[in-house]
Amino acid sequence: MAFAISCSSDQYKKNAPLEFDGKFPDESASNIEITLSDSGKISFTLFAPVMNKYSGENPYMDFPKGIKITSYSNGEKQSVLTAEYAISEDWTQRMEASKNVVITDLVKHESIKSEQIIWDKLNKRIYSEVEVIQIKADGTINRGDGFEADEKFTRYAIKNPRGEMLTTDVGF
């Protein structure tokens, strides 16, 4: 007696690993945590529910279910970046975070929100060319046409800032 088992390509696609831009990942991992250090001191930690790695002429990794990156300075948490999606390109040394991106400065208690932020690892800078919202510790809200920062998010500038100040009733 012989048995033959087959499945249609539609059935395979439903059960296949996540597909990005028509490609299937060469490697995939879940609940990953990566620690980057310099001279024995933690610089960054990265957590992602899913990481896919693609090889080829232009290898890259993507994080289709979001990402959380924490930066450290002298052993203390400095800032946290969260996003619903991210892609890291090996050949350009860039990571692009998109969809509800928030960077929080844990020291100054300020945040930047945007739909896209790019981390240029070669030049050690973070920037955005799309609208950003800055929320300061005192309640001031600034909007701008992008921003530029160092990679630890300790110094940054909003491009073309426009602001609002939140105040309580002062009795006038």
C-alpha atoms as a PDB file:
ATOM      1  CA  MET A   1       0.000   0.000   0.000  1.00  0.00           C
ATOM      2  CA  ALA A   2       1.343   3.428  -0.896  1.00  0.00           C
ATOM      3  CA  PHE A   3       0.273   6.884   0.252  1.00  0.00           C
ATOM      4  CA  ALA A   4       0.887  10.171  -1.481  1.00  0.00           C
ATOM      5  CA  ILE A   5       0.609  13.462   0.366  1.00  0.00           C
ATOM      6  CA  SER A   6       0.637  16.765  -1.409  1.00  0.00           C
ATOM      7  CA  CYS A   7      -0.412  20.320  -0.808  1.00  0.00           C
ATOM      8  CA  SER A   8      -1.264  23.121  -3.149  1.00  0.00           C
ATOM      9  CA  SER A   9       0.897  26.230  -3.302  1.00  0.00           C
ATOM     10  CA  ASP A  10      -2.012  28.203  -1.770  1.00  0.00           C
ATOM     11  CA  GLN A  11      -2.040  25.822   1.180  1.00  0.00           C
ATOM     12  CA  TYR A  12       1.750  26.168   1.560  1.00  0.00           C
ATOM     13  CA  LYS A  13       1.569  29.967   1.522  1.00  0.00           C
ATOM     14  CA  LYS A  14      -0.922  29.950   4.413  1.00  0.00           C
ATOM     15  CA  ASN A  15       1.465  27.920   6.576  1.00  0.00           C
ATOM     16  CA  ALA A  16       4.759  29.320   5.314  1.00  0.00           C
ATOM     17  CA  PRO A  17       7.046  31.678   7.239  1.00  0.00           C
ATOM     18  CA  LEU A  18       6.350  35.390   6.917  1.00  0.00           C
ATOM     19  CA  GLU A  19       6.969  36.660   3.420  1.00  0.00           C
ATOM     20  CA  PHE A  20       8.454  40.114   2.730  1.00  0.00           C
ATOM     21  CA  ASP A  21       8.358  41.683  -0.698  1.00  0.00           C
ATOM     22  CA  GLY A  22       7.922  38.305  -2.396  1.00  0.00           C
ATOM     23  CA  LYS A  23      10.809  36.703  -0.511  1.00  0.00           C
ATOM     24  CA  PHE A  24      10.896  34.161   2.268  1.00  0.00           C
ATOM     25  CA  PRO A  25      13.483  34.588   5.044  1.00  0.00           C
ATOM     26  CA  ASP A  26      16.588  32.397   5.091  1.00  0.00           C
ATOM     27  CA  GLU A  27      16.473  32.450   8.891  1.00  0.00           C
ATOM     28  CA  SER A  28      13.772  33.410  11.340  1.00  0.00           C
ATOM     29  CA  ALA A  29      13.841  33.707  15.130  1.00  0.00           C
ATOM     30  CA  SER A  30      11.299  34.653  17.756  1.00  0.00           C
ATOM     31  CA  ASN A  31      11.583  36.566  21.035  1.00  0.00           C
ATOM     32  CA  ILE A  32      15.142  37.632  20.357  1.00  0.00           C
ATOM     33  CA  GLU A  33      17.254  39.859  22.541  1.00  0.00           C
ATOM     34  CA  ILE A  34      20.585  41.189  21.287  1.00  0.00           C
ATOM     35  CA  THR A  35      23.087  43.096  23.436  1.00  0.00           C
ATOM     36  CA  LEU A  36      25.711  45.318  21.808  1.00  0.00           C
ATOM     37  CA  SER A  37      28.665  46.319  23.956  1.00  0.00           C
ATOM     38  CA  ASP A  38      31.796  48.406  23.628  1.00  0.00           C
ATOM     39  CA  SER A  39      34.803  47.673  25.847  1.00  0.00           C
ATOM     40  CA  GLY A  40      32.652  45.499  28.109  1.00  0.00           C
ATOM     41  CA  LYS A  41      29.969  48.176  28.605  1.00  0.00           C
ATOM     42  CA  ILE A  42      26.446  47.718  27.236  1.00  0.00           C
ATOM     43  CA  SER A  43      25.698  50.242  24.477  1.00  0.00           C
ATOM     44  CA  PHE A  44      22.352  48.961  23.185  1.00  0.00           C
ATOM     45  CA  THR A  45      19.875  46.156  23.714  1.00  0.00           C
ATOM     46  CA  LEU A  46      17.406  45.123  21.033  1.00  0.00           C
ATOM     47  CA  PHE A  47      14.271  43.070  21.636  1.00  0.00           C
ATOM     48  CA  ALA A  48      11.930  41.821  18.909  1.00  0.00           C
ATOM     49  CA  PRO A  49       9.111  39.272  18.899  1.00  0.00           C
ATOM     50  CA  VAL A  50      10.187  38.143  15.370  1.00  0.00           C
ATOM     51  CA  MET A  51      13.384  38.688  13.385  1.00  0.00           C
ATOM     52  CA  ASN A  52      13.790  37.515   9.781  1.00  0.00           C
ATOM     53  CA  LYS A  53      17.129  37.397   8.000  1.00  0.00           C
ATOM     54  CA  TYR A  54      17.406  37.567   4.209  1.00  0.00           C
ATOM     55  CA  SER A  55      20.608  36.842   2.301  1.00  0.00           C
ATOM     56  CA  GLY A  56      21.587  37.612  -1.249  1.00  0.00           C
ATOM     57  CA  GLU A  57      23.244  40.539  -2.967  1.00  0.00           C
ATOM     58  CA  ASN A  58      21.776  43.043  -0.468  1.00  0.00           C
ATOM     59  CA  PRO A  59      21.263  41.157   2.816  1.00  0.00           C
ATOM     60  CA  TYR A  60      18.959  42.580   5.463  1.00  0.00           C
ATOM     61  CA  MET A  61      16.946  41.733   8.545  1.00  0.00           C
ATOM     62  CA  ASP A  62      13.402  42.783   9.223  1.00  0.00           C
ATOM     63  CA  PHE A  63      11.304  42.896  12.364  1.00  0.00           C
ATOM     64  CA  PRO A  64       7.687  42.536  11.167  1.00  0.00           C
ATOM     65  CA  LYS A  65       6.117  42.463  14.624  1.00  0.00           C
ATOM     66  CA  GLY A  66       7.958  45.426  16.076  1.00  0.00           C
ATOM     67  CA  ILE A  67      11.155  46.305  17.849  1.00  0.00           C
ATOM     68  CA  LYS A  68      12.383  47.865  21.089  1.00  0.00           C
ATOM     69  CA  ILE A  69      15.903  49.309  21.284  1.00  0.00           C
ATOM     70  CA  THR A  70      17.337  50.637  24.557  1.00  0.00           C
ATOM     71  CA  SER A  71      20.516  52.740  24.582  1.00  0.00           C
ATOM     72  CA  TYR A  72      22.819  52.947  27.588  1.00  0.00           C
ATOM     73  CA  SER A  73      25.373  55.459  28.810  1.00  0.00           C
ATOM     74  CA  ASN A  74      27.727  54.569  31.684  1.00  0.00           C
ATOM     75  CA  GLY A  75      25.583  51.536  32.484  1.00  0.00           C
ATOM     76  CA  GLU A  76      22.367  53.588  32.800  1.00  0.00           C
ATOM     77  CA  LYS A  77      19.422  53.460  30.411  1.00  0.00           C
ATOM     78  CA  GLN A  78      19.488  56.590  28.260  1.00  0.00           C
ATOM     79  CA  SER A  79      16.680  56.187  25.733  1.00  0.00           C
ATOM     80  CA  VAL A  80      14.174  53.705  24.324  1.00  0.00           C
ATOM     81  CA  LEU A  81      12.956  53.396  20.737  1.00  0.00           C
ATOM     82  CA  THR A  82       9.821  51.402  19.910  1.00  0.00           C
ATOM     83  CA  ALA A  83       8.227  50.794  16.503  1.00  0.00           C
ATOM     84  CA  GLU A  84       5.751  48.415  14.934  1.00  0.00           C
ATOM     85  CA  TYR A  85       8.142  47.536  12.081  1.00  0.00           C
ATOM     86  CA  ALA A  86      11.864  47.843  11.376  1.00  0.00           C
ATOM     87  CA  ILE A  87      14.340  46.823   8.692  1.00  0.00           C
ATOM     88  CA  SER A  88      18.132  46.767   9.006  1.00  0.00           C
ATOM     89  CA  GLU A  89      20.192  46.808   5.811  1.00  0.00           C
ATOM     90  CA  ASP A  90      23.689  45.327   6.012  1.00  0.00           C
ATOM     91  CA  TRP A  91      25.053  47.050   2.889  1.00  0.00           C
ATOM     92  CA  THR A  92      23.970  50.590   3.878  1.00  0.00           C
ATOM     93  CA  GLN A  93      24.440  50.167   7.657  1.00  0.00           C
ATOM     94  CA  ARG A  94      21.000  51.753   8.154  1.00  0.00           C
ATOM     95  CA  MET A  95      18.057  50.703  10.254  1.00  0.00           C
ATOM     96  CA  GLU A  96      14.670  52.160   9.429  1.00  0.00           C
ATOM     97  CA  ALA A  97      11.895  52.013  12.028  1.00  0.00           C
ATOM     98  CA  SER A  98       8.362  52.755  10.903  1.00  0.00           C
ATOM     99  CA  LYS A  99       4.735  52.706  12.042  1.00  0.00           C
ATOM    100  CA  ASN A 100       4.114  54.436  15.377  1.00  0.00           C
ATOM    101  CA  VAL A 101       7.771  55.112  16.174  1.00  0.00           C
ATOM    102  CA  VAL A 102       8.470  56.588  19.611  1.00  0.00           C
ATOM    103  CA  ILE A 103      11.880  57.560  21.013  1.00  0.00           C
ATOM    104  CA  THR A 104      11.879  58.428  24.700  1.00  0.00           C
ATOM    105  CA  ASP A 105      14.761  60.210  26.426  1.00  0.00           C
ATOM    106  CA  LEU A 106      14.667  58.615  29.882  1.00  0.00           C
ATOM    107  CA  VAL A 107      16.896  61.318  31.398  1.00  0.00           C
ATOM    108  CA  LYS A 108      15.072  64.412  30.106  1.00  0.00           C
ATOM    109  CA  HIS A 109      11.642  62.706  30.109  1.00  0.00           C
ATOM    110  CA  GLU A 110      10.993  63.853  26.545  1.00  0.00           C
ATOM    111  CA  SER A 111       9.658  61.902  23.571  1.00  0.00           C
ATOM    112  CA  ILE A 112       9.676  62.119  19.786  1.00  0.00           C
ATOM    113  CA  LYS A 113       6.875  60.445  17.820  1.00  0.00           C
ATOM    114  CA  SER A 114       6.931  59.850  14.072  1.00  0.00           C
ATOM    115  CA  GLU A 115       5.965  57.386  11.374  1.00  0.00           C
ATOM    116  CA  GLN A 116       9.575  56.878  10.257  1.00  0.00           C
ATOM    117  CA  ILE A 117      12.985  57.189  11.855  1.00  0.00           C
ATOM    118  CA  ILE A 118      16.317  56.170  10.349  1.00  0.00           C
ATOM    119  CA  TRP A 119      19.406  55.125  12.306  1.00  0.00           C
ATOM    120  CA  ASP A 120      22.574  55.698  10.245  1.00  0.00           C
ATOM    121  CA  LYS A 121      25.026  53.420  12.042  1.00  0.00           C
ATOM    122  CA  LEU A 122      28.075  54.547  10.029  1.00  0.00           C
ATOM    123  CA  ASN A 123      27.602  58.228  10.904  1.00  0.00           C
ATOM    124  CA  LYS A 124      26.164  57.492  14.374  1.00  0.00           C
ATOM    125  CA  ARG A 125      23.065  59.597  13.891  1.00  0.00           C
ATOM    126  CA  ILE A 126      19.284  59.207  14.001  1.00  0.00           C
ATOM    127  CA  TYR A 127      17.061  61.306  11.782  1.00  0.00           C
ATOM    128  CA  SER A 128      13.661  61.667  10.177  1.00  0.00           C
ATOM    129  CA  GLU A 129      12.487  63.593   7.127  1.00  0.00           C
ATOM    130  CA  VAL A 130       8.756  63.207   7.946  1.00  0.00           C
ATOM    131  CA  GLU A 131       6.578  65.003  10.498  1.00  0.00           C
ATOM    132  CA  VAL A 132       7.586  64.521  14.121  1.00  0.00           C
ATOM    133  CA  ILE A 133       5.913  65.418  17.391  1.00  0.00           C
ATOM    134  CA  GLN A 134       8.097  66.285  20.378  1.00  0.00           C
ATOM    135  CA  ILE A 135       6.559  66.051  23.845  1.00  0.00           C
ATOM    136  CA  LYS A 136       8.634  67.737  26.548  1.00  0.00           C
ATOM    137  CA  ALA A 137       8.542  67.023  30.274  1.00  0.00           C
ATOM    138  CA  ASP A 138       6.755  70.339  30.952  1.00  0.00           C
ATOM    139  CA  GLY A 139       3.883  69.473  28.585  1.00  0.00           C
ATOM    140  CA  THR A 140       5.089  71.543  25.652  1.00  0.00           C
ATOM    141  CA  ILE A 141       4.297  69.908  22.324  1.00  0.00           C
ATOM    142  CA  ASN A 142       6.344  70.802  19.249  1.00  0.00           C
ATOM    143  CA  ARG A 143       5.732  69.615  15.721  1.00  0.00           C
ATOM    144  CA  GLY A 144       8.352  69.681  13.030  1.00  0.00           C
ATOM    145  CA  ASP A 145       9.262  68.507   9.561  1.00  0.00           C
ATOM    146  CA  GLY A 146      11.779  65.987  10.869  1.00  0.00           C
ATOM    147  CA  PHE A 147      14.678  65.909  13.301  1.00  0.00           C
ATOM    148  CA  GLU A 148      18.319  64.964  13.668  1.00  0.00           C
ATOM    149  CA  ALA A 149      20.020  63.430  16.712  1.00  0.00           C
ATOM    150  CA  ASP A 150      23.112  61.565  17.847  1.00  0.00           C
ATOM    151  CA  GLU A 151      22.632  57.795  17.987  1.00  0.00           C
ATOM    152  CA  LYS A 152      22.155  57.780  21.769  1.00  0.00           C
ATOM    153  CA  PHE A 153      19.463  60.489  21.445  1.00  0.00           C
ATOM    154  CA  THR A 154      21.243  62.740  23.951  1.00  0.00           C
ATOM    155  CA  ARG A 155      21.285  65.785  21.619  1.00  0.00           C
ATOM    156  CA  TYR A 156      18.703  66.478  18.958  1.00  0.00           C
ATOM    157  CA  ALA A 157      17.098  69.263  16.949  1.00  0.00           C
ATOM    158  CA  ILE A 158      13.624  69.521  15.422  1.00  0.00           C
ATOM    159  CA  LYS A 159      13.456  70.835  11.835  1.00  0.00           C
ATOM    160  CA  ASN A 160      11.077  73.782  11.341  1.00  0.00           C
ATOM    161  CA  PRO A 161       9.527  73.547  14.823  1.00  0.00           C
ATOM    162  CA  ARG A 162       5.991  74.733  15.568  1.00  0.00           C
ATOM    163  CA  GLY A 163       4.764  74.501  19.155  1.00  0.00           C
ATOM    164  CA  GLU A 164       1.871  74.429  21.582  1.00  0.00           C
ATOM    165  CA  MET A 165       2.071  74.828  25.323  1.00  0.00           C
ATOM    166  CA  LEU A 166      -0.276  72.990  27.631  1.00  0.00           C
ATOM    167  CA  THR A 167      -1.192  75.005  30.724  1.00  0.00           C
ATOM    168  CA  THR A 168      -3.609  74.768  33.588  1.00  0.00           C
ATOM    169  CA  ASP A 169      -6.248  77.467  34.151  1.00  0.00           C
ATOM    170  CA  VAL A 170      -4.433  80.514  35.551  1.00  0.00           C
ATOM    171  CA  GLY A 171      -7.594  82.378  36.543  1.00  0.00           C
ATOM    172  CA  PHE A 172      -7.712  85.185  33.949  1.00  0.00           C
END
